[in-house]
Amino acid sequence: MTFRQFTALATVAKHGNITKAAQAMRISQPSLSNHLKALEEDYRIRLFVRNGKGIQLTEDGAEFLMRIDPILAQLKNIQERYLNNSKEKQVGPTVEVVRMKTIIVKWLFRDIPKKYWTRNRKIDMNISEIRAWYS
C-alpha cells in the first residue's frame, strides 16, 4: 500500500477510464494497472469492473475509496506544505470538503465553497469529489 496506489484508485474512479487516468497521472497504463492489482491483492477486494463505457467501481471499491479519500486529502496538504515550500501560504486552518459526484449534490453545493472562501480568505479549502458507486 502506497500513496501512489491510493492516488491511482482515486484517479481511475474520477476518470472512469484507465487510459485517461494514466495520462492524468503521467504514467503508463501497465504501471497504473499494476498499482490497482497490488491494492486488490493487498486488501483482497475487487475494486473495479469493466463495462462497455470503461471501468466502474464495485461496491467494495466505492467504500474503500470513501475511506481513503480523507487520507489522500491530508497527504496532499502535507505535500503542498512541506514539499512545495508553501509554509507561508498556510495562514489559517484548512476546511476539507468531500462530496459525492451526483447531480443533486453538485446542484446543492455549487456555490457554497466559493461564497464561504470569499468571506474567509485566511482559511484554505480543499474540495474532493468521489463518484457514487452506483453512477
Protein backbone atom coordinates (compact mmCIF):
# COMPACT_ATOMS: atom_id res chain seq x y z
CA MET A 1 0.00 0.00 0.00
CA THR A 2 1.44 3.32 -1.10
CA PHE A 3 0.27 6.86 -1.62
CA ARG A 4 0.73 6.26 -5.36
CA GLN A 5 -1.61 3.24 -5.28
CA PHE A 6 -4.28 5.21 -3.43
CA THR A 7 -3.87 8.04 -5.92
CA ALA A 8 -4.22 5.56 -8.78
CA LEU A 9 -7.51 4.29 -7.36
CA ALA A 10 -8.91 7.80 -6.91
CA THR A 11 -7.78 8.90 -10.38
CA VAL A 12 -9.29 5.90 -12.15
CA ALA A 13 -12.53 6.37 -10.22
CA LYS A 14 -12.59 10.04 -11.20
CA HIS A 15 -11.97 9.43 -14.90
CA GLY A 16 -13.79 6.10 -15.25
CA ASN A 17 -11.15 5.09 -17.77
CA ILE A 18 -7.67 3.64 -17.28
CA THR A 19 -6.19 5.37 -20.34
CA LYS A 20 -7.36 8.82 -19.22
CA ALA A 21 -6.33 8.15 -15.63
CA ALA A 22 -2.83 7.05 -16.73
CA GLN A 23 -2.49 10.21 -18.81
CA ALA A 24 -3.63 12.35 -15.87
CA MET A 25 -1.07 10.68 -13.60
CA ARG A 26 1.59 10.78 -16.33
CA ILE A 27 2.34 7.09 -16.05
CA SER A 28 1.89 4.14 -18.40
CA GLN A 29 -1.29 2.08 -18.48
CA PRO A 30 0.54 -1.10 -17.37
CA SER A 31 2.04 0.75 -14.42
CA LEU A 32 -1.39 2.05 -13.40
CA SER A 33 -2.90 -1.42 -13.76
CA ASN A 34 -0.11 -2.81 -11.55
CA HIS A 35 -0.93 -0.27 -8.83
CA LEU A 36 -4.59 -1.31 -8.89
CA LYS A 37 -3.75 -5.00 -8.95
CA ALA A 38 -1.43 -4.58 -5.94
CA LEU A 39 -4.19 -2.83 -3.97
CA GLU A 40 -6.69 -5.54 -4.84
CA GLU A 41 -4.24 -8.24 -3.76
CA ASP A 42 -3.19 -6.48 -0.56
CA TYR A 43 -6.76 -5.84 0.59
CA ARG A 44 -8.32 -8.92 -1.05
CA ILE A 45 -11.12 -6.96 -2.67
CA ARG A 46 -12.19 -6.27 -6.22
CA LEU A 47 -12.09 -2.52 -6.81
CA PHE A 48 -13.38 -2.20 -10.39
CA VAL A 49 -15.45 -3.95 -13.02
CA ARG A 50 -15.16 -3.25 -16.71
CA ASN A 51 -18.22 -2.16 -18.61
CA GLY A 52 -18.83 -1.03 -22.19
CA LYS A 53 -18.01 2.58 -21.35
CA GLY A 54 -14.81 1.96 -19.38
CA ILE A 55 -14.29 0.91 -15.79
CA GLN A 56 -16.56 1.31 -12.77
CA LEU A 57 -16.05 0.99 -9.03
CA THR A 58 -17.53 -2.03 -7.32
CA GLU A 59 -19.45 -1.54 -4.09
CA ASP A 60 -16.31 -2.57 -2.17
CA GLY A 61 -14.21 -0.24 -4.30
CA ALA A 62 -16.53 2.71 -3.62
CA GLU A 63 -16.45 2.07 0.11
CA PHE A 64 -12.66 1.69 0.08
CA LEU A 65 -12.30 4.95 -1.87
CA MET A 66 -14.62 6.75 0.54
CA ARG A 67 -12.42 5.63 3.44
CA ILE A 68 -9.09 6.61 1.82
CA ASP A 69 -10.25 9.91 0.34
CA PRO A 70 -9.66 11.91 3.56
CA ILE A 71 -6.22 10.28 3.82
CA LEU A 72 -5.39 11.38 0.27
CA ALA A 73 -6.56 14.91 1.00
CA GLN A 74 -4.41 15.08 4.13
CA LEU A 75 -1.34 13.68 2.32
CA LYS A 76 -1.87 16.25 -0.42
CA ASN A 77 -1.90 19.00 2.21
CA ILE A 78 1.33 17.67 3.71
CA GLN A 79 2.99 17.57 0.29
CA GLU A 80 1.88 21.11 -0.52
CA ARG A 81 3.02 22.44 2.83
CA TYR A 82 6.39 20.72 3.16
CA LEU A 83 7.50 19.58 -0.28
CA ASN A 84 6.41 22.66 -2.19
CA ASN A 85 7.78 25.10 0.43
CA SER A 86 4.40 26.72 0.90
CA LYS A 87 4.65 27.25 4.66
CA GLU A 88 4.00 30.94 4.26
CA LYS A 89 0.82 30.21 2.26
CA GLN A 90 -0.74 28.29 5.18
CA VAL A 91 -2.19 31.16 7.18
CA GLY A 92 -5.10 29.54 8.96
CA PRO A 93 -6.94 26.27 9.34
CA THR A 94 -7.95 24.07 6.43
CA VAL A 95 -11.51 23.07 5.63
CA GLU A 96 -11.85 19.67 3.94
CA VAL A 97 -14.98 19.08 1.87
CA VAL A 98 -15.61 15.63 0.41
CA ARG A 99 -18.71 15.28 -1.71
CA MET A 100 -20.26 12.55 -3.82
CA LYS A 101 -20.29 13.24 -7.53
CA THR A 102 -24.02 13.21 -8.26
CA ILE A 103 -26.19 15.78 -9.97
CA ILE A 104 -28.19 16.68 -6.85
CA VAL A 105 -25.07 17.13 -4.73
CA LYS A 106 -23.41 19.24 -7.43
CA TRP A 107 -26.51 21.43 -7.55
CA LEU A 108 -26.76 21.76 -3.78
CA PHE A 109 -23.05 22.57 -3.31
CA ARG A 110 -22.39 24.59 -6.47
CA ASP A 111 -21.87 27.98 -4.80
CA ILE A 112 -21.26 27.20 -1.13
CA PRO A 113 -17.45 26.73 -1.28
CA LYS A 114 -16.92 29.88 -3.36
CA LYS A 115 -19.14 32.02 -1.13
CA TYR A 116 -17.52 30.64 2.02
CA TRP A 117 -13.98 31.14 0.77
CA THR A 118 -14.58 34.73 -0.35
CA ARG A 119 -15.68 35.56 3.21
CA ASN A 120 -12.91 33.57 4.90
CA ARG A 121 -9.71 34.18 2.93
CA LYS A 122 -7.44 33.02 5.76
CA ILE A 123 -8.85 29.51 5.57
CA ASP A 124 -7.59 27.02 2.99
CA MET A 125 -10.35 24.99 1.41
CA ASN A 126 -9.77 21.62 -0.27
CA ILE A 127 -12.68 20.07 -2.12
CA SER A 128 -12.51 16.40 -3.08
CA GLU A 129 -15.10 14.67 -5.17
CA ILE A 130 -15.78 10.95 -5.23
CA ARG A 131 -18.02 9.06 -7.59
CA ALA A 132 -21.07 7.30 -6.30
CA TRP A 133 -20.57 3.56 -6.72
CA TYR A 134 -23.94 3.31 -8.45
CA SER A 135 -23.36 6.06 -11.04
